[in-house]
């Protein structure tokens, strides 16, 4: 029988990627700030998870956290002045910044912004 070195150690990390923890942290901040309620979060997350299941997504942590991100984005656009177009533009800027950043260097959003200078 397998005996872990530390029986109190969780069997695996709770998050596979930092962005997964960040999604839940931002959702928590929004709830604490009164942007949306825990019930709103649970209902929206549940809706996103059911949609993922209906689309045939596997029952994995990646599916869960992708649904959590979709729920956060949905609630953000409902409770702030941000629109889906704002979110899409910002994602494009981050993707562009990532693509323009040399390996090993920090990714800075400014590298992905389109210059309006003539």
Protein backbone atom coordinates (compact mmCIF):
# COMPACT_ATOMS: atom_id res chain seq x y z
CA UNK A 1 0.00 0.00 0.00
CA UNK A 2 1.31 3.45 -0.95
CA UNK A 3 2.22 5.69 1.98
CA UNK A 4 2.81 9.38 1.19
CA UNK A 5 5.75 11.07 2.90
CA UNK A 6 3.37 13.59 4.44
CA UNK A 7 -0.14 12.26 5.09
CA UNK A 8 -1.45 15.83 5.39
CA UNK A 9 -0.14 16.78 1.95
CA UNK A 10 -2.90 17.08 -0.66
CA UNK A 11 -2.67 14.34 -3.31
CA UNK A 12 -2.09 16.90 -6.07
CA UNK A 13 -2.05 20.67 -6.45
CA UNK A 14 -5.47 22.32 -6.44
CA UNK A 15 -4.61 24.25 -9.60
CA UNK A 16 -2.81 23.13 -12.74
CA UNK A 17 -2.07 26.69 -13.87
CA UNK A 18 -1.84 30.06 -12.09
CA UNK A 19 -4.71 31.50 -14.15
CA UNK A 20 -7.06 28.96 -12.56
CA UNK A 21 -6.39 30.30 -9.07
CA UNK A 22 -6.64 33.85 -10.39
CA UNK A 23 -10.13 33.25 -11.82
CA UNK A 24 -11.44 32.10 -8.44
CA UNK A 25 -9.62 34.90 -6.61
CA UNK A 26 -11.13 37.55 -8.89
CA UNK A 27 -14.59 36.03 -8.48
CA UNK A 28 -14.12 36.16 -4.70
CA UNK A 29 -13.03 39.80 -4.86
CA UNK A 30 -16.09 40.69 -6.93
CA UNK A 31 -18.39 38.90 -4.47
CA UNK A 32 -16.79 40.63 -1.48
CA UNK A 33 -17.13 43.98 -3.27
CA UNK A 34 -20.83 43.33 -3.86
CA UNK A 35 -20.57 43.16 -7.66
CA UNK A 36 -22.46 39.87 -7.60
CA UNK A 37 -23.66 37.42 -4.97
CA UNK A 38 -22.41 33.94 -4.21
CA UNK A 39 -25.76 32.70 -5.55
CA UNK A 40 -25.22 34.58 -8.82
CA UNK A 41 -21.76 33.01 -9.07
CA UNK A 42 -23.04 29.50 -8.35
CA UNK A 43 -25.91 29.80 -10.83
CA UNK A 44 -23.76 31.24 -13.60
CA UNK A 45 -20.97 28.72 -13.05
CA UNK A 46 -23.53 25.91 -13.06
CA UNK A 47 -24.97 27.16 -16.33
CA UNK A 48 -21.50 27.28 -17.90
CA UNK A 49 -20.65 23.78 -16.63
CA UNK A 50 -23.91 22.36 -18.01
CA UNK A 51 -23.20 24.02 -21.36
CA UNK A 52 -19.72 22.47 -21.42
CA UNK A 53 -21.16 19.06 -20.60
CA UNK A 54 -23.83 19.42 -23.31
CA UNK A 55 -21.08 20.32 -25.78
CA UNK A 56 -19.26 17.09 -24.93
CA UNK A 57 -16.41 18.60 -22.90
CA UNK A 58 -14.64 16.04 -20.70
CA UNK A 59 -15.05 16.17 -16.93
CA UNK A 60 -11.62 17.63 -16.18
CA UNK A 61 -10.17 20.48 -14.17
CA UNK A 62 -9.47 22.29 -17.46
CA UNK A 63 -13.18 22.13 -18.34
CA UNK A 64 -14.13 23.34 -14.85
CA UNK A 65 -11.79 26.32 -14.88
CA UNK A 66 -12.70 27.26 -18.44
CA UNK A 67 -16.34 27.31 -17.33
CA UNK A 68 -15.34 29.36 -14.28
CA UNK A 69 -13.62 31.89 -16.56
CA UNK A 70 -16.71 32.05 -18.79
CA UNK A 71 -18.90 32.59 -15.71
CA UNK A 72 -16.61 35.35 -14.43
CA UNK A 73 -16.61 37.09 -17.81
CA UNK A 74 -20.40 36.81 -18.06
CA UNK A 75 -20.95 38.29 -14.61
CA UNK A 76 -18.32 40.98 -15.24
CA UNK A 77 -20.13 42.23 -18.34
CA UNK A 78 -23.43 42.18 -16.45
CA UNK A 79 -22.17 44.07 -13.40
CA UNK A 80 -19.62 46.55 -14.79
CA UNK A 81 -19.29 48.94 -17.70
CA UNK A 82 -17.13 46.41 -19.55
CA UNK A 83 -18.64 44.79 -22.63
CA UNK A 84 -17.82 41.50 -24.35
CA UNK A 85 -16.05 43.60 -27.00
CA UNK A 86 -13.85 45.18 -24.31
CA UNK A 87 -12.89 41.72 -23.04
CA UNK A 88 -12.21 40.44 -26.56
CA UNK A 89 -10.00 43.44 -27.35
CA UNK A 90 -8.00 42.98 -24.15
CA UNK A 91 -7.50 39.26 -24.85
CA UNK A 92 -6.24 40.15 -28.33
CA UNK A 93 -3.80 42.68 -26.83
CA UNK A 94 -2.45 40.09 -24.37
CA UNK A 95 -2.08 37.47 -27.11
CA UNK A 96 -0.23 39.97 -29.30
CA UNK A 97 2.00 40.98 -26.37
CA UNK A 98 2.81 37.33 -25.66
CA UNK A 99 3.70 36.71 -29.31
CA UNK A 100 5.96 39.79 -29.41
CA UNK A 101 7.81 39.05 -26.18
CA UNK A 102 11.23 37.38 -26.44
CA UNK A 103 11.53 34.05 -24.66
CA UNK A 104 12.36 34.41 -21.00
CA UNK A 105 11.22 38.02 -20.77
CA UNK A 106 8.15 39.22 -18.87
CA UNK A 107 5.06 39.75 -21.00
CA UNK A 108 3.97 43.39 -20.85
CA UNK A 109 0.58 44.45 -22.14
CA UNK A 110 2.07 47.52 -23.82
CA UNK A 111 3.81 45.22 -26.30
CA UNK A 112 0.43 44.08 -27.57
CA UNK A 113 -1.26 47.41 -27.95
CA UNK A 114 -1.75 48.87 -31.39
CA UNK A 115 -0.05 52.23 -31.74
CA UNK A 116 -2.27 55.11 -32.78
CA UNK A 117 0.76 57.29 -33.62
CA UNK A 118 0.97 58.33 -37.29
